[in-house]
């Protein structure tokens, strides 16, 4: 079951990634906070729906799951902020290594195991993520040079160019590891998901106060459709993800990290961009890894 849930998480999170990029405006310094508002609101609505359906939940679950929620939400804020800096694709491989980081922590700290074939499949997925990101960077560099665009130095050489991906990788990897630990010992998946969604809703309220009340920014729902869709896809992906992680964290974590590959595929289909043969090759390599994991699972 963890494999099917992982595929569902990949599908929705890749869609969330696409719509998040579409909704992130480089000239809007509050774009990432508006994204938090949209995602948190959708998650809050879903949490209420789950409670109305009779889901098990206690207020204390929010405190139990708070360390995990904090790590995830912090990583997402960094991720959304980083989307404003398009040139930061140079460090995409680092961001998408968080699943591998979590798998290693589960292996060495929680003593979880995977077969040799599963380890090989995870390696294929990670290799696919890394090389796809490298090829993406080279393609973007070539397109900028052809267009005569010289990116600001702060986006390519300064600390800001590596801050977002490195900290995203570390924090998201720690969040996934903490998630596996908490789900295994302290809280059920359904209760954890509701706790996370209510925490995200609270963060959305803080973002609204900061952006709309303090900074006097106007929000037009008609202009925020990509952000709202990102929130819907993020919520659906999170729901599947937490159950997949609770079932088999050491393999599900790196597998779900491959959603970035599918994000690229959706971008090519929807935005009519083209894939090179190298990109098709690494996607195929990652797909082989996914198929192996499915057969092993």
Protein backbone atom coordinates (compact mmCIF):
# COMPACT_ATOMS: atom_id res chain seq x y z
CA UNK A 1 0.00 0.00 0.00
CA UNK A 2 2.89 2.37 0.72
CA UNK A 3 3.91 2.27 -2.94
CA UNK A 4 0.47 3.30 -4.23
CA UNK A 5 0.30 6.07 -1.63
CA UNK A 6 3.78 7.21 -2.66
CA UNK A 7 2.70 7.44 -6.30
CA UNK A 8 -0.36 9.47 -5.28
CA UNK A 9 1.87 11.82 -3.26
CA UNK A 10 4.23 12.15 -6.23
CA UNK A 11 1.34 12.96 -8.57
CA UNK A 12 -0.15 15.67 -6.39
CA UNK A 13 3.10 17.16 -5.13
CA UNK A 14 4.45 17.45 -8.66
CA UNK A 15 1.28 19.37 -9.49
CA UNK A 16 1.75 21.51 -6.41
CA UNK A 17 5.32 22.23 -7.49
CA UNK A 18 4.14 23.30 -10.95
CA UNK A 19 1.40 25.62 -9.69
CA UNK A 20 3.70 27.02 -6.99
CA UNK A 21 6.19 28.03 -9.67
CA UNK A 22 3.39 29.54 -11.75
CA UNK A 23 2.18 31.49 -8.73
CA UNK A 24 5.59 32.76 -7.60
CA UNK A 25 6.31 36.22 -8.94
CA UNK A 26 9.97 37.37 -8.82
CA UNK A 27 8.96 41.02 -8.27
CA UNK A 28 6.56 40.23 -5.41
CA UNK A 29 8.54 39.98 -2.18
CA UNK A 30 5.43 38.74 -0.36
CA UNK A 31 4.77 35.94 -2.85
CA UNK A 32 5.94 33.16 -0.52
CA UNK A 33 3.78 34.46 2.34
CA UNK A 34 0.76 34.55 0.03
CA UNK A 35 1.55 30.94 -0.88
CA UNK A 36 1.57 30.03 2.80
CA UNK A 37 -1.81 31.72 3.18
CA UNK A 38 -3.30 29.71 0.30
CA UNK A 39 -1.84 26.35 1.36
CA UNK A 40 -2.66 26.85 5.04
CA UNK A 41 -6.26 27.81 4.29
CA UNK A 42 -6.86 24.75 2.09
CA UNK A 43 -5.24 22.50 4.68
CA UNK A 44 -7.39 23.98 7.42
CA UNK A 45 -10.54 23.32 5.40
CA UNK A 46 -9.46 19.73 4.83
CA UNK A 47 -8.76 19.24 8.55
CA UNK A 48 -12.28 20.42 9.41
CA UNK A 49 -13.74 18.06 6.81
CA UNK A 50 -11.80 15.15 8.33
CA UNK A 51 -13.10 16.00 11.80
CA UNK A 52 -16.68 16.15 10.49
CA UNK A 53 -16.14 12.67 9.05
CA UNK A 54 -15.26 11.39 12.52
CA UNK A 55 -11.46 11.34 12.37
CA UNK A 56 -9.68 10.74 15.68
CA UNK A 57 -8.00 13.92 16.93
CA UNK A 58 -7.15 15.70 20.18
CA UNK A 59 -5.77 19.21 20.70
CA UNK A 60 -2.73 17.64 22.38
CA UNK A 61 -1.90 16.02 19.02
CA UNK A 62 -0.88 19.46 17.75
CA UNK A 63 1.78 19.69 20.47
CA UNK A 64 2.90 16.10 19.92
CA UNK A 65 3.39 16.69 16.21
CA UNK A 66 4.59 20.31 16.52
CA UNK A 67 8.34 19.61 16.09
CA UNK A 68 7.62 17.82 12.79
CA UNK A 69 5.15 20.48 11.66
CA UNK A 70 7.68 23.21 12.45
CA UNK A 71 10.41 21.57 10.36
CA UNK A 72 8.12 20.93 7.39
CA UNK A 73 6.59 24.40 7.38
CA UNK A 74 9.96 26.10 7.76
CA UNK A 75 11.31 24.09 4.84
CA UNK A 76 8.29 25.03 2.72
CA UNK A 77 8.68 28.73 3.51
CA UNK A 78 12.29 28.53 2.37
CA UNK A 79 11.21 26.60 -0.71
CA UNK A 80 8.52 29.10 -1.67
CA UNK A 81 10.89 32.01 -1.08
CA UNK A 82 13.51 30.31 -3.23
CA UNK A 83 11.07 30.01 -6.13
CA UNK A 84 11.41 33.78 -6.61
CA UNK A 85 15.04 33.26 -7.57
CA UNK A 86 14.76 31.34 -10.84
CA UNK A 87 18.53 31.16 -11.28
CA UNK A 88 18.75 29.07 -8.12
CA UNK A 89 18.00 25.99 -10.24
CA UNK A 90 21.77 25.48 -10.02
CA UNK A 91 21.14 24.01 -6.58
CA UNK A 92 18.00 21.98 -7.25
CA UNK A 93 19.93 18.69 -6.81
CA UNK A 94 20.64 19.67 -3.21
CA UNK A 95 16.95 20.39 -2.49
CA UNK A 96 15.79 17.08 -3.85
CA UNK A 97 18.32 15.11 -1.84
CA UNK A 98 16.25 15.52 1.33
CA UNK A 99 14.55 12.15 0.78
CA UNK A 100 17.91 10.43 0.62
CA UNK A 101 19.00 12.27 3.78
CA UNK A 102 15.89 11.02 5.57
CA UNK A 103 16.46 7.45 4.32
CA UNK A 104 20.03 7.47 5.65
CA UNK A 105 18.86 8.76 9.04
CA UNK A 106 16.18 6.05 9.18
CA UNK A 107 18.81 3.44 8.30
CA UNK A 108 21.46 4.48 10.82
CA UNK A 109 19.34 5.86 13.68
CA UNK A 110 16.05 3.96 13.54
CA UNK A 111 17.76 0.80 12.24
CA UNK A 112 15.16 0.38 9.49
CA UNK A 113 16.22 -1.90 6.65
CA UNK A 114 15.72 -2.35 2.93
CA UNK A 115 16.73 -5.15 0.57
CA UNK A 116 19.65 -4.90 -1.81
CA UNK A 117 17.28 -4.48 -4.74
CA UNK A 118 15.39 -1.71 -2.96
CA UNK A 119 18.68 0.03 -2.18
CA UNK A 120 19.60 -0.19 -5.88
CA UNK A 121 16.19 1.22 -6.87
CA UNK A 122 16.53 4.12 -4.42
CA UNK A 123 19.97 4.83 -5.88
CA UNK A 124 18.48 4.96 -9.40
CA UNK A 125 15.83 7.44 -8.26
CA UNK A 126 18.43 9.66 -6.56
CA UNK A 127 20.73 9.51 -9.60
CA UNK A 128 17.82 10.46 -11.83
CA UNK A 129 16.95 13.45 -9.61
CA UNK A 130 20.55 14.67 -9.51
CA UNK A 131 21.37 14.44 -13.21
CA UNK A 132 18.00 15.81 -14.28
CA UNK A 133 18.69 18.87 -12.17
CA UNK A 134 22.20 19.23 -13.63
CA UNK A 135 20.83 19.07 -17.19
CA UNK A 136 18.12 21.58 -16.27
CA UNK A 137 20.79 23.99 -15.02
CA UNK A 138 22.85 23.66 -18.20
CA UNK A 139 19.79 24.20 -20.37
CA UNK A 140 18.76 27.31 -18.46
CA UNK A 141 22.30 28.71 -18.70
CA UNK A 142 22.31 28.13 -22.48
CA UNK A 143 18.91 29.81 -22.87
CA UNK A 144 20.03 32.85 -20.86
CA UNK A 145 23.23 33.20 -22.87
CA UNK A 146 21.31 32.94 -26.13
CA UNK A 147 18.92 35.63 -24.95
CA UNK A 148 21.80 37.80 -23.76
CA UNK A 149 20.63 37.74 -20.16
CA UNK A 150 23.26 38.14 -17.47
CA UNK A 151 21.87 37.13 -14.06
CA UNK A 152 22.54 39.25 -11.00
CA UNK A 153 25.64 38.04 -9.17
CA UNK A 154 23.68 37.61 -5.93
CA UNK A 155 21.63 34.84 -7.59
CA UNK A 156 24.64 32.84 -8.73
CA UNK A 157 27.66 33.45 -6.51
CA UNK A 158 26.58 34.93 -3.19
CA UNK A 159 25.38 33.22 -0.03
CA UNK A 160 21.74 33.61 -1.09
CA UNK A 161 22.39 31.29 -4.06
CA UNK A 162 23.07 28.35 -1.75
CA UNK A 163 21.15 29.31 1.39
CA UNK A 164 17.71 28.16 0.26
CA UNK A 165 18.57 24.73 -1.21
CA UNK A 166 21.03 23.67 1.49
CA UNK A 167 18.79 24.63 4.38
CA UNK A 168 15.73 23.24 2.61
CA UNK A 169 17.47 19.89 2.16
CA UNK A 170 18.65 19.72 5.77
CA UNK A 171 15.40 20.88 7.35
CA UNK A 172 13.11 18.82 5.11
CA UNK A 173 15.30 15.75 5.59
CA UNK A 174 15.20 16.20 9.36
CA UNK A 175 11.44 16.72 9.16
CA UNK A 176 10.94 13.48 7.26
CA UNK A 177 13.14 11.59 9.74
CA UNK A 178 11.31 13.12 12.70
CA UNK A 179 8.03 12.23 11.00
CA UNK A 180 9.03 8.58 10.73
CA UNK A 181 10.07 8.56 14.39
CA UNK A 182 6.90 10.24 15.69
CA UNK A 183 4.54 8.17 13.53
CA UNK A 184 6.23 4.97 14.67
CA UNK A 185 6.02 5.70 18.39
CA UNK A 186 3.76 8.56 19.40
CA UNK A 187 0.87 9.37 17.06
CA UNK A 188 -1.34 7.83 14.37
CA UNK A 189 -1.07 9.00 10.76
CA UNK A 190 -4.57 10.50 10.56
CA UNK A 191 -4.19 12.48 13.78
CA UNK A 192 -0.74 13.66 12.73
CA UNK A 193 -2.03 14.92 9.40
CA UNK A 194 -4.84 16.90 11.03
CA UNK A 195 -2.38 18.35 13.56
CA UNK A 196 -0.09 19.42 10.73
CA UNK A 197 -2.95 21.00 8.80
CA UNK A 198 -4.18 23.02 11.77
CA UNK A 199 -0.61 24.19 12.46
CA UNK A 200 -0.30 25.26 8.83
CA UNK A 201 -3.65 27.07 9.13
CA UNK A 202 -2.29 28.99 12.12
CA UNK A 203 0.76 29.91 10.05
CA UNK A 204 -1.57 31.13 7.29
CA UNK A 205 -3.31 33.40 9.82
CA UNK A 206 0.05 34.87 10.88
CA UNK A 207 0.96 35.38 7.21
CA UNK A 208 -2.36 37.16 6.59
CA UNK A 209 -1.80 39.48 9.55
CA UNK A 210 1.72 40.27 8.34
CA UNK A 211 0.93 40.77 4.63
CA UNK A 212 -2.56 42.30 4.67
CA UNK A 213 -2.81 44.09 8.02
CA UNK A 214 0.76 45.13 8.75
CA UNK A 215 2.15 45.58 5.21
CA UNK A 216 -1.18 46.76 3.74
CA UNK A 217 -0.97 44.44 0.72
CA UNK A 218 -4.15 43.74 -1.25
CA UNK A 219 -5.12 40.16 -2.09
CA UNK A 220 -7.07 39.50 -5.29
CA UNK A 221 -8.37 35.93 -5.43
CA UNK A 222 -8.65 36.11 -9.22
CA UNK A 223 -4.90 36.69 -9.42
CA UNK A 224 -4.06 33.95 -6.93
CA UNK A 225 -5.59 30.94 -8.73
CA UNK A 226 -2.20 29.15 -9.17
CA UNK A 227 -1.53 29.51 -5.44
CA UNK A 228 -4.96 28.12 -4.57
CA UNK A 229 -4.45 25.15 -6.90
CA UNK A 230 -1.02 24.64 -5.36
CA UNK A 231 -2.71 24.50 -1.95
CA UNK A 232 -5.21 21.89 -3.12
CA UNK A 233 -2.50 19.69 -4.64
CA UNK A 234 -0.18 20.17 -1.65
CA UNK A 235 -2.93 19.11 0.77
CA UNK A 236 -3.84 16.01 -1.24
CA UNK A 237 -0.18 15.03 -1.57
CA UNK A 238 0.45 15.51 2.14
CA UNK A 239 -2.51 13.28 3.01
CA UNK A 240 -1.09 10.41 0.92
CA UNK A 241 2.50 11.11 1.96
CA UNK A 242 2.01 10.79 5.70
CA UNK A 243 0.37 7.36 5.37
CA UNK A 244 3.09 6.17 2.97
CA UNK A 245 5.77 7.34 5.39
CA UNK A 246 4.06 5.66 8.31
CA UNK A 247 4.05 2.36 6.40
CA UNK A 248 7.59 2.29 5.00
CA UNK A 249 9.57 5.47 5.66
CA UNK A 250 13.05 4.33 4.60
CA UNK A 251 11.96 3.60 1.00
CA UNK A 252 8.98 5.94 0.63
CA UNK A 253 10.98 9.07 1.52
CA UNK A 254 13.51 8.93 -1.36
CA UNK A 255 10.85 7.60 -3.75
CA UNK A 256 8.52 10.53 -3.10
CA UNK A 257 11.45 12.91 -3.61
CA UNK A 258 11.24 11.97 -7.28
CA UNK A 259 8.14 14.18 -7.60
CA UNK A 260 10.45 16.89 -8.98
CA UNK A 261 10.98 14.71 -12.05
CA UNK A 262 7.26 14.61 -12.69
CA UNK A 263 7.05 18.35 -12.06
CA UNK A 264 9.34 18.80 -15.03
CA UNK A 265 7.17 16.50 -17.16
CA UNK A 266 4.03 18.51 -16.30
CA UNK A 267 5.87 21.73 -17.08
CA UNK A 268 6.80 20.37 -20.50
CA UNK A 269 3.25 19.23 -21.20
CA UNK A 270 1.42 22.28 -19.86
CA UNK A 271 3.95 25.01 -20.66
CA UNK A 272 4.87 23.41 -24.00
CA UNK A 273 8.56 23.26 -23.20
CA UNK A 274 10.85 20.61 -24.67
CA UNK A 275 12.86 17.81 -23.10
CA UNK A 276 16.32 16.87 -24.33
CA UNK A 277 17.29 13.24 -24.91
CA UNK A 278 19.46 13.42 -21.78
CA UNK A 279 16.47 14.47 -19.71
CA UNK A 280 14.37 11.67 -21.15
CA UNK A 281 17.18 9.24 -20.29
CA UNK A 282 17.44 10.18 -16.62
CA UNK A 283 13.64 10.20 -16.30
CA UNK A 284 13.69 6.64 -17.66
CA UNK A 285 16.40 5.68 -15.14
CA UNK A 286 14.34 7.04 -12.26
CA UNK A 287 11.24 5.32 -13.65
CA UNK A 288 13.08 1.98 -13.58
CA UNK A 289 13.84 2.59 -9.92
CA UNK A 290 10.19 3.37 -9.22
CA UNK A 291 9.03 0.21 -11.00
CA UNK A 292 11.51 -1.91 -9.00
CA UNK A 293 10.27 -0.40 -5.74
CA UNK A 294 6.71 -1.16 -6.79
CA UNK A 295 7.55 -4.79 -7.53
CA UNK A 296 9.47 -5.15 -4.27
CA UNK A 297 6.74 -3.43 -2.27
